[in-house]
Amino acid sequence: MTTLPEQPGDGSAEAPLLLTTEPPRTLSFGDQAAFWANLGVSLIGFTGAIFVLQPSGHPQLPVIAAVLATAVGTVLGTAMVAAAGAVGARTGAPAMVNFRGLFGTRLSYLPTVANIVQCIGWGVYELTVIAGGVAALTHGHLPRIPVIIGAGVLCTAMAIWPLNVLHILRKYVTVAVVIAMGWFTVQFLRQPLPPVSGTSWSGFFPGVDTALAVAVSFVPLAADYTRHARSTRAATGATMVGYSMAQTWCYLLGVVALLRVGGDPERIFDTFLGIAAGWLFFAVLVLRESDQSFANVYSTAMSLQNLLPRVDRRVLAAGVGAIATVLALGVHDFTGFSNFLLLIGSVFVPLCAVLVVDYFLGRGRRGWDLSETAPARPLLLVPWLLGFAVYQVLNPGSVQWWARIWSRVQDVLGVHPGWWSSASLYSFLVAAGCTAVLVRIERVRTRTPV
């Protein structure tokens, strides 16, 4: 199998500084499971549960339907993340570098640039979320600017020593998070849930799509970490177990908390802080939020190395962390930009399908060329773009000018999303099916059995 050009490592247990250095395989199943479990729990997840409980354009789901939609969507989305991570575990290459084998080096810059934009954007968002969590914890008595600067410095330092951070997460942070989540679960379930009327199962599949889309957002980051796994099986299993269990748990707590405040996401943190010792365990979750921003900063640096393979990743991580911190200082209303980030994120759902099918069923089984001179494969842009179009038809998003364009397409095609629509799932299936056809055609043309 063709991987990156490799040079002997320096024996360090830390991630290599240059793209051409062989990555150390030091992450155990426990290291990776703890990492993905930490990513599966977030303050955004608690508030984001409103989109599962109350899917846009549909009545509120019954509690059992919200639970089932969360579990189904999370498992399906995590499976896509695990599949993308398996590619990285096999090649030893970062996520964006693997697209050299899929599209060729020059064309791999397309998803790379999109990922850089979205990772910096979400890194900024996470810093603002941390500031919001601290504000809720201290009732606004701690100034926002020092909090963001402190969080930015912490996340940047974590991105400079990523593998050491993953070991620390497993030993200490994950244990504290599990205790905090367990405490909130026990306290929330001590009292019966308030009755809710007017519920319906009609929004079940849109609810599934919400949970799925959140999990799939980690597809363009997965290989940056699984490339350090001791085995592909360990990487895949750890991703499935760690992330799917954590996100499901996080969203279920969010659903219960939302029901207790009448479905108002603006008041959801009051539920956490209103229980005995709630401030202590909420503080644990606020501090834990830093690993979300760390992951975005580090993956941005790894994406940049696809464009700048000879630049030290520590320099890139420091620069990215500084940019994210400065941008976060000026952000007060993130609503419009978050919609834009979700639009960018939707490009990676069909892209994951193309990547996985071509790697495991197509040319990847004979060995991808991941060198800087990997030849272009423009034909594989077709299933990616087709899958992206399917996604937009079923979910045009909330960027107004963009949504208007796809609303007209819906009218022309006579396709209007309803209870059955899952943009992420259908987009993935269409892109995967189209790629499988192209793989078959390529196999016949070359007359080389895979």
Protein backbone atom coordinates (compact mmCIF):
# COMPACT_ATOMS: atom_id res chain seq x y z
CA MET A 1 0.00 0.00 0.00
CA THR A 2 1.35 3.41 -0.95
CA THR A 3 1.51 5.87 1.93
CA LEU A 4 3.35 9.08 2.60
CA PRO A 5 7.07 9.24 1.90
CA GLU A 6 8.54 8.19 5.21
CA GLN A 7 11.65 9.14 7.09
CA PRO A 8 12.84 7.51 10.28
CA GLY A 9 11.14 8.92 13.36
CA ASP A 10 13.13 10.42 16.18
CA GLY A 11 11.77 7.94 18.70
CA SER A 12 9.52 10.56 20.29
CA ALA A 13 6.06 9.55 21.47
CA GLU A 14 4.70 12.88 20.24
CA ALA A 15 3.17 13.56 16.82
CA PRO A 16 5.74 14.18 14.04
CA LEU A 17 6.65 17.76 13.24
CA LEU A 18 6.75 17.33 9.46
CA LEU A 19 4.32 15.61 7.13
CA THR A 20 6.98 13.32 5.71
CA THR A 21 7.90 11.77 9.06
CA GLU A 22 6.42 8.42 10.01
CA PRO A 23 3.79 8.84 12.76
CA PRO A 24 4.27 6.97 16.05
CA ARG A 25 1.63 4.30 16.72
CA THR A 26 1.21 4.89 20.44
CA LEU A 27 -2.54 5.35 20.99
CA SER A 28 -4.23 2.38 22.65
CA PHE A 29 -7.92 1.52 22.49
CA GLY A 30 -8.40 3.27 25.83
CA ASP A 31 -6.62 6.45 24.70
CA GLN A 32 -8.79 6.74 21.62
CA ALA A 33 -12.05 5.77 23.31
CA ALA A 34 -11.45 8.43 25.98
CA PHE A 35 -10.65 11.03 23.33
CA TRP A 36 -13.81 10.34 21.32
CA ALA A 37 -15.90 10.17 24.48
CA ASN A 38 -14.69 13.64 25.43
CA LEU A 39 -15.58 14.95 21.98
CA GLY A 40 -19.03 13.38 22.29
CA VAL A 41 -19.85 15.45 25.38
CA SER A 42 -20.18 19.18 24.90
CA LEU A 43 -22.09 22.20 26.09
CA ILE A 44 -23.23 22.64 22.49
CA GLY A 45 -24.68 19.13 22.62
CA PHE A 46 -26.90 19.97 25.59
CA THR A 47 -28.42 22.98 23.85
CA GLY A 48 -28.35 21.31 20.42
CA ALA A 49 -30.66 18.60 21.72
CA ILE A 50 -33.50 21.06 21.04
CA PHE A 51 -33.15 20.27 17.31
CA VAL A 52 -33.75 16.58 18.01
CA LEU A 53 -36.56 17.18 20.44
CA GLN A 54 -38.21 19.82 18.24
CA PRO A 55 -37.19 19.21 14.60
CA SER A 56 -37.70 22.25 12.39
CA GLY A 57 -41.17 22.34 10.86
CA HIS A 58 -42.46 19.44 12.99
CA PRO A 59 -44.22 19.07 16.36
CA GLN A 60 -42.16 18.11 19.38
CA LEU A 61 -41.17 14.46 19.53
CA PRO A 62 -42.32 12.21 22.37
CA VAL A 63 -39.46 11.50 24.79
CA ILE A 64 -39.10 7.90 23.60
CA ALA A 65 -38.94 9.09 19.98
CA ALA A 66 -36.25 11.68 20.84
CA VAL A 67 -34.25 8.99 22.65
CA LEU A 68 -34.49 6.60 19.70
CA ALA A 69 -33.73 9.31 17.11
CA THR A 70 -30.65 10.33 19.07
CA ALA A 71 -29.36 6.76 19.36
CA VAL A 72 -30.00 5.83 15.71
CA GLY A 73 -28.55 9.05 14.29
CA THR A 74 -25.52 8.95 16.54
CA VAL A 75 -24.63 5.35 15.72
CA LEU A 76 -25.02 5.92 11.96
CA GLY A 77 -22.96 9.11 12.05
CA THR A 78 -20.28 7.59 14.24
CA ALA A 79 -19.99 4.65 11.84
CA MET A 80 -19.13 7.12 9.07
CA VAL A 81 -16.52 8.77 11.29
CA ALA A 82 -15.05 5.38 12.20
CA ALA A 83 -14.85 4.39 8.52
CA ALA A 84 -12.97 7.58 7.65
CA GLY A 85 -10.73 7.02 10.66
CA ALA A 86 -9.99 3.47 9.51
CA VAL A 87 -8.48 4.88 6.33
CA GLY A 88 -6.12 7.04 8.38
CA ALA A 89 -5.21 4.12 10.64
CA ARG A 90 -4.18 2.11 7.58
CA THR A 91 -2.30 4.79 5.64
CA GLY A 92 -0.81 6.66 8.59
CA ALA A 93 -1.69 9.91 6.82
CA PRO A 94 -3.68 12.88 8.13
CA ALA A 95 -7.26 13.31 6.98
CA MET A 96 -6.71 15.85 4.21
CA VAL A 97 -3.61 14.09 2.90
CA ASN A 98 -5.68 10.96 2.31
CA PHE A 99 -7.64 12.94 -0.27
CA ARG A 100 -4.48 13.00 -2.39
CA GLY A 101 -5.11 9.33 -3.07
CA LEU A 102 -8.77 9.98 -3.81
CA PHE A 103 -8.56 13.08 -6.02
CA GLY A 104 -4.86 13.69 -6.63
CA THR A 105 -2.72 16.23 -4.80
CA ARG A 106 -3.95 19.39 -6.52
CA LEU A 107 -7.64 18.50 -6.26
CA SER A 108 -7.19 17.49 -2.63
CA TYR A 109 -6.74 21.18 -1.90
CA LEU A 110 -10.51 21.70 -2.43
CA PRO A 111 -11.65 19.77 0.67
CA THR A 112 -8.52 20.95 2.50
CA VAL A 113 -9.42 24.62 2.17
CA ALA A 114 -13.03 23.91 3.17
CA ASN A 115 -11.82 22.06 6.24
CA ILE A 116 -9.44 24.83 7.24
CA VAL A 117 -12.28 27.36 7.11
CA GLN A 118 -14.69 25.20 9.08
CA CYS A 119 -12.13 24.11 11.70
CA ILE A 120 -11.04 27.67 12.42
CA GLY A 121 -14.70 28.69 12.55
CA TRP A 122 -15.64 25.95 14.99
CA GLY A 123 -12.53 26.67 17.02
CA VAL A 124 -13.74 30.25 17.40
CA TYR A 125 -17.20 28.99 18.26
CA GLU A 126 -15.88 26.68 20.96
CA LEU A 127 -13.97 29.53 22.59
CA THR A 128 -17.18 31.58 22.72
CA VAL A 129 -19.01 28.57 24.17
CA ILE A 130 -16.38 28.26 26.91
CA ALA A 131 -16.78 31.97 27.65
CA GLY A 132 -20.56 31.50 27.81
CA GLY A 133 -20.18 28.55 30.16
CA VAL A 134 -17.89 30.52 32.46
CA ALA A 135 -20.34 33.42 32.40
CA ALA A 136 -23.17 31.11 33.46
CA LEU A 137 -20.98 29.59 36.15
CA THR A 138 -19.86 32.95 37.60
CA HIS A 139 -23.08 34.86 36.86
CA GLY A 140 -21.14 37.14 34.54
CA HIS A 141 -18.68 38.35 37.19
CA LEU A 142 -15.59 37.13 35.30
CA PRO A 143 -14.66 39.34 32.31
CA ARG A 144 -15.10 37.70 28.92
CA ILE A 145 -11.81 38.77 27.30
CA PRO A 146 -9.46 37.14 29.84
CA VAL A 147 -11.52 33.94 29.68
CA ILE A 148 -11.22 33.72 25.89
CA ILE A 149 -7.51 34.52 25.93
CA GLY A 150 -6.87 31.94 28.65
CA ALA A 151 -8.92 29.30 26.83
CA GLY A 152 -7.16 30.13 23.56
CA VAL A 153 -3.72 29.73 25.13
CA LEU A 154 -4.74 26.42 26.72
CA CYS A 155 -6.17 25.01 23.48
CA THR A 156 -3.12 26.10 21.50
CA ALA A 157 -0.76 24.45 23.98
CA MET A 158 -2.82 21.27 23.78
CA ALA A 159 -2.55 21.33 19.96
CA ILE A 160 1.25 21.60 20.16
CA TRP A 161 1.51 18.42 22.27
CA PRO A 162 -1.52 16.44 20.99
CA LEU A 163 -0.56 12.87 21.87
CA ASN A 164 0.44 13.78 25.40
CA VAL A 165 -2.94 15.49 25.74
CA LEU A 166 -4.77 12.34 24.63
CA HIS A 167 -2.99 10.32 27.31
CA ILE A 168 -3.95 12.92 29.94
CA LEU A 169 -7.57 12.86 28.78
CA ARG A 170 -7.70 9.09 29.32
CA LYS A 171 -6.11 9.16 32.76
CA TYR A 172 -7.86 12.11 34.34
CA VAL A 173 -10.33 14.17 32.31
CA THR A 174 -12.58 11.37 31.08
CA VAL A 175 -12.98 10.03 34.62
CA ALA A 176 -14.04 13.48 35.87
CA VAL A 177 -16.48 13.89 32.95
CA VAL A 178 -18.10 10.50 33.58
CA ILE A 179 -18.56 11.37 37.26
CA ALA A 180 -20.08 14.76 36.38
CA MET A 181 -22.42 13.27 33.77
CA GLY A 182 -23.43 10.51 36.18
CA TRP A 183 -24.21 13.04 38.90
CA PHE A 184 -26.41 15.12 36.59
CA THR A 185 -28.18 12.01 35.33
CA VAL A 186 -29.07 10.83 38.83
CA GLN A 187 -30.23 14.29 39.88
CA PHE A 188 -32.29 14.89 36.73
CA LEU A 189 -34.09 11.54 36.94
CA ARG A 190 -34.95 11.80 40.64
CA GLN A 191 -38.09 13.71 39.71
CA PRO A 192 -40.62 12.69 37.03
CA LEU A 193 -40.51 14.58 33.75
CA PRO A 194 -43.17 17.26 33.24
CA PRO A 195 -46.05 16.18 30.97
CA VAL A 196 -45.90 17.38 27.35
CA SER A 197 -48.89 17.53 25.03
CA GLY A 198 -49.18 17.78 21.26
CA THR A 199 -46.22 15.55 20.47
CA SER A 200 -45.84 13.57 17.25
CA TRP A 201 -43.49 11.07 15.64
CA SER A 202 -43.64 12.97 12.32
CA GLY A 203 -40.25 14.59 12.94
CA PHE A 204 -38.47 11.34 13.79
CA PHE A 205 -36.25 11.12 10.70
CA PRO A 206 -35.32 14.83 10.73
CA GLY A 207 -34.37 14.25 14.38
CA VAL A 208 -32.23 11.30 13.34
CA ASP A 209 -30.58 13.50 10.73
CA THR A 210 -29.70 16.12 13.34
CA ALA A 211 -27.89 13.63 15.58
CA LEU A 212 -26.24 12.04 12.54
CA ALA A 213 -25.04 15.38 11.18
CA VAL A 214 -23.42 16.33 14.49
CA ALA A 215 -21.45 13.08 14.59
CA VAL A 216 -20.46 13.30 10.91
CA SER A 217 -18.96 16.74 11.52
CA PHE A 218 -15.89 14.88 12.85
CA VAL A 219 -15.31 12.97 9.60
CA PRO A 220 -12.70 15.46 8.28
CA LEU A 221 -10.82 15.27 11.61
CA ALA A 222 -10.84 11.54 12.33
CA ALA A 223 -7.71 10.39 10.53
CA ASP A 224 -5.61 13.10 12.16
CA TYR A 225 -5.84 11.03 15.35
CA THR A 226 -6.42 7.45 14.17
CA ARG A 227 -3.15 7.59 12.19
CA HIS A 228 -1.49 7.12 15.59
CA ALA A 229 -3.58 4.06 16.51
CA ARG A 230 -1.85 0.77 17.23
CA SER A 231 -4.27 -1.04 14.92
CA THR A 232 -7.18 -0.30 12.59
CA ARG A 233 -9.49 -2.49 14.66
CA ALA A 234 -8.65 -0.57 17.84
CA ALA A 235 -9.20 2.78 16.09
CA THR A 236 -12.57 1.75 14.66
CA GLY A 237 -13.86 0.15 17.84
CA ALA A 238 -12.72 3.02 20.05
CA THR A 239 -14.42 5.57 17.83
CA MET A 240 -17.70 3.64 17.79
CA VAL A 241 -17.76 2.94 21.51
CA GLY A 242 -16.40 6.25 22.78
CA TYR A 243 -18.25 8.72 20.62
CA SER A 244 -21.61 6.99 20.13
CA MET A 245 -22.09 6.34 23.84
CA ALA A 246 -20.98 9.83 24.89
CA GLN A 247 -23.02 11.80 22.37
CA THR A 248 -26.15 9.75 23.07
CA TRP A 249 -25.73 10.32 26.80
CA CYS A 250 -25.05 14.04 26.28
CA TYR A 251 -28.13 14.57 24.11
CA LEU A 252 -30.38 12.62 26.45
CA LEU A 253 -29.31 14.83 29.34
CA GLY A 254 -29.98 17.81 27.09
CA VAL A 255 -33.48 16.53 26.28
CA VAL A 256 -34.33 16.07 29.97
CA ALA A 257 -32.92 19.49 30.87
CA LEU A 258 -34.91 21.13 28.06
CA LEU A 259 -38.13 19.51 29.19
CA ARG A 260 -37.58 20.93 32.66
CA VAL A 261 -37.28 24.50 31.29
CA GLY A 262 -40.18 24.22 28.86
CA GLY A 263 -37.98 23.69 25.78
CA ASP A 264 -36.13 27.01 26.16
CA PRO A 265 -32.44 26.45 25.24
CA GLU A 266 -31.53 29.87 26.71
CA ARG A 267 -32.36 28.56 30.19
CA ILE A 268 -30.91 25.07 29.90
CA PHE A 269 -27.78 25.78 31.96
CA ASP A 270 -30.02 26.93 34.84
CA THR A 271 -31.11 23.31 35.12
CA PHE A 272 -27.54 22.11 35.59
CA LEU A 273 -26.62 24.86 38.03
CA GLY A 274 -29.84 24.52 40.02
CA ILE A 275 -29.11 21.11 41.51
CA ALA A 276 -26.98 20.24 44.53
CA ALA A 277 -23.26 20.76 43.77
CA GLY A 278 -24.28 21.53 40.19
CA TRP A 279 -21.74 24.35 39.91
CA LEU A 280 -18.85 21.97 40.65
CA PHE A 281 -19.77 19.37 38.05
CA PHE A 282 -20.76 22.02 35.52
CA ALA A 283 -17.29 23.53 35.97
CA VAL A 284 -15.83 20.15 34.98
CA LEU A 285 -17.85 20.20 31.74
CA VAL A 286 -16.86 23.80 30.98
CA LEU A 287 -13.17 22.97 31.41
CA ARG A 288 -13.60 19.83 29.31
CA GLU A 289 -14.93 21.98 26.44
CA SER A 290 -11.34 22.99 25.74
CA ASP A 291 -10.66 19.65 24.01
CA GLN A 292 -13.22 20.54 21.33
CA SER A 293 -11.31 23.70 20.46
CA PHE A 294 -8.00 21.82 20.73
CA ALA A 295 -9.20 19.27 18.17
CA ASN A 296 -10.17 22.02 15.74
CA VAL A 297 -6.87 23.89 16.16
CA TYR A 298 -4.76 20.75 15.73
CA SER A 299 -6.74 19.49 12.72
CA THR A 300 -6.45 22.90 11.08
CA ALA A 301 -2.67 22.64 11.46
CA MET A 302 -2.70 19.13 9.97
CA SER A 303 -4.84 20.36 7.06
CA LEU A 304 -2.41 23.20 6.45
CA GLN A 305 0.40 20.65 6.25
CA ASN A 306 -1.27 19.20 3.16
CA LEU A 307 -0.62 22.61 1.57
CA LEU A 308 2.67 23.29 3.40
CA PRO A 309 4.23 19.87 4.06
CA ARG A 310 7.62 21.23 5.13
CA VAL A 311 6.37 23.63 7.80
CA ASP A 312 6.64 22.56 11.44
CA ARG A 313 3.15 21.66 12.71
CA ARG A 314 3.89 23.44 16.01
CA VAL A 315 4.31 26.72 14.14
CA LEU A 316 1.07 26.11 12.28
CA ALA A 317 -0.81 25.19 15.46
CA ALA A 318 0.44 28.29 17.26
CA GLY A 319 -0.61 30.50 14.36
CA VAL A 320 -4.04 28.90 14.09
CA GLY A 321 -4.61 29.15 17.84
CA ALA A 322 -3.69 32.83 17.81
CA ILE A 323 -6.03 33.54 14.89
CA ALA A 324 -8.94 31.68 16.51
CA THR A 325 -8.40 33.53 19.79
CA VAL A 326 -8.29 36.97 18.15
CA LEU A 327 -11.41 36.21 16.10
CA ALA A 328 -13.26 34.95 19.18
CA LEU A 329 -12.61 38.25 20.96
CA GLY A 330 -14.78 40.03 18.42
CA VAL A 331 -17.60 37.50 18.18
CA HIS A 332 -20.77 38.19 20.13
CA ASP A 333 -23.53 36.82 17.89
CA PHE A 334 -22.56 33.57 16.23
CA THR A 335 -25.94 32.69 14.70
CA GLY A 336 -25.31 33.67 11.08
CA PHE A 337 -21.77 32.30 10.94
CA SER A 338 -22.77 28.98 12.52
CA ASN A 339 -25.28 28.50 9.71
CA PHE A 340 -22.46 29.09 7.22
CA LEU A 341 -20.28 26.55 9.01
CA LEU A 342 -23.07 23.96 8.86
CA LEU A 343 -23.26 24.56 5.10
CA ILE A 344 -19.52 23.90 4.75
CA GLY A 345 -19.81 20.84 6.96
CA SER A 346 -22.41 19.32 4.64
CA VAL A 347 -19.76 18.88 1.93
CA PHE A 348 -18.03 16.23 4.06
CA VAL A 349 -20.99 13.85 4.32
CA PRO A 350 -20.89 12.74 0.65
CA LEU A 351 -17.11 13.16 0.62
CA CYS A 352 -16.83 10.55 3.35
CA ALA A 353 -18.82 8.11 1.21
CA VAL A 354 -16.56 8.64 -1.81
CA LEU A 355 -13.44 8.25 0.33
CA VAL A 356 -14.53 5.03 2.02
CA VAL A 357 -15.88 3.30 -1.08
CA ASP A 358 -12.86 4.09 -3.24
CA TYR A 359 -10.41 3.11 -0.52
CA PHE A 360 -11.95 -0.20 0.51
CA LEU A 361 -13.48 -1.27 -2.81
CA GLY A 362 -11.52 0.63 -5.44
CA ARG A 363 -8.01 1.85 -6.08
CA GLY A 364 -7.21 2.17 -2.39
CA ARG A 365 -6.95 -1.61 -2.09
CA ARG A 366 -4.11 -1.59 -4.61
CA GLY A 367 -2.44 1.36 -2.92
CA TRP A 368 -3.17 5.06 -3.09
CA ASP A 369 -0.51 7.51 -4.19
CA LEU A 370 -0.23 10.03 -1.34
CA SER A 371 2.88 11.76 -2.64
CA GLU A 372 3.08 15.44 -3.61
CA THR A 373 2.87 14.41 -7.27
CA ALA A 374 -0.22 12.18 -6.99
CA PRO A 375 -2.09 12.45 -10.34
CA ALA A 376 -5.51 14.04 -10.58
CA ARG A 377 -8.65 11.87 -10.58
CA PRO A 378 -11.33 14.42 -11.53
CA LEU A 379 -13.99 11.80 -12.28
CA LEU A 380 -14.39 11.16 -8.54
CA LEU A 381 -15.56 14.74 -8.09
CA VAL A 382 -18.84 13.65 -9.73
CA PRO A 383 -20.22 11.48 -6.89
CA TRP A 384 -19.07 14.04 -4.35
CA LEU A 385 -20.93 16.86 -6.09
CA LEU A 386 -23.98 14.67 -6.72
CA GLY A 387 -24.16 13.71 -3.05
CA PHE A 388 -23.76 17.35 -2.05
CA ALA A 389 -26.63 18.33 -4.35
CA VAL A 390 -28.86 15.65 -2.78
CA TYR A 391 -28.02 17.00 0.67
CA GLN A 392 -28.93 20.57 -0.31
CA VAL A 393 -32.20 19.55 -1.95
CA LEU A 394 -33.28 17.79 1.25
CA ASN A 395 -31.78 20.38 3.63
CA PRO A 396 -30.94 23.77 2.09
CA GLY A 397 -29.86 25.09 5.47
CA SER A 398 -30.38 28.55 6.95
CA VAL A 399 -28.11 30.78 4.84
CA GLN A 400 -30.91 32.74 3.20
CA TRP A 401 -29.57 33.36 -0.31
CA TRP A 402 -28.33 29.77 -0.55
CA ALA A 403 -31.58 28.29 0.75
CA ARG A 404 -33.58 30.29 -1.81
CA ILE A 405 -31.58 28.76 -4.67
CA TRP A 406 -32.24 25.21 -3.49
CA SER A 407 -35.89 25.96 -2.75
CA ARG A 408 -36.29 26.73 -6.45
CA VAL A 409 -34.56 23.43 -7.27
CA GLN A 410 -37.02 21.67 -4.97
CA ASP A 411 -39.92 23.25 -6.88
CA VAL A 412 -38.47 22.23 -10.24
CA LEU A 413 -37.89 18.63 -9.14
CA GLY A 414 -41.12 18.42 -7.17
CA VAL A 415 -39.18 17.24 -4.12
CA HIS A 416 -40.13 18.75 -0.78
CA PRO A 417 -38.65 17.26 2.40
CA GLY A 418 -41.08 15.65 4.80
CA TRP A 419 -41.12 13.12 7.61
CA TRP A 420 -39.03 10.71 5.53
CA SER A 421 -36.12 13.04 4.73
CA SER A 422 -32.63 12.56 6.11
CA ALA A 423 -30.25 14.75 4.14
CA SER A 424 -27.09 13.21 5.60
CA LEU A 425 -28.13 9.61 5.09
CA TYR A 426 -29.47 10.00 1.54
CA SER A 427 -26.50 12.14 0.53
CA PHE A 428 -24.11 9.49 1.82
CA LEU A 429 -25.95 6.64 0.08
CA VAL A 430 -26.16 8.43 -3.28
CA ALA A 431 -22.48 9.37 -3.24
CA ALA A 432 -21.49 5.84 -2.17
CA GLY A 433 -23.61 4.23 -4.89
CA CYS A 434 -22.24 6.51 -7.60
CA THR A 435 -18.67 5.89 -6.46
CA ALA A 436 -19.25 2.13 -6.49
CA VAL A 437 -20.35 2.39 -10.12
CA LEU A 438 -17.25 4.38 -11.06
CA VAL A 439 -15.04 1.91 -9.20
CA ARG A 440 -16.61 -0.93 -11.17
CA ILE A 441 -16.09 0.90 -14.47
CA GLU A 442 -12.46 1.63 -13.60
CA ARG A 443 -11.90 -2.00 -12.68
CA VAL A 444 -13.29 -3.21 -16.02
CA ARG A 445 -11.32 -0.63 -18.02
CA THR A 446 -8.01 -1.52 -16.39
CA ARG A 447 -8.86 -5.24 -16.37
CA THR A 448 -7.12 -5.45 -13.03
CA PRO A 449 -9.09 -7.38 -10.41
CA VAL A 450 -9.24 -5.80 -6.99
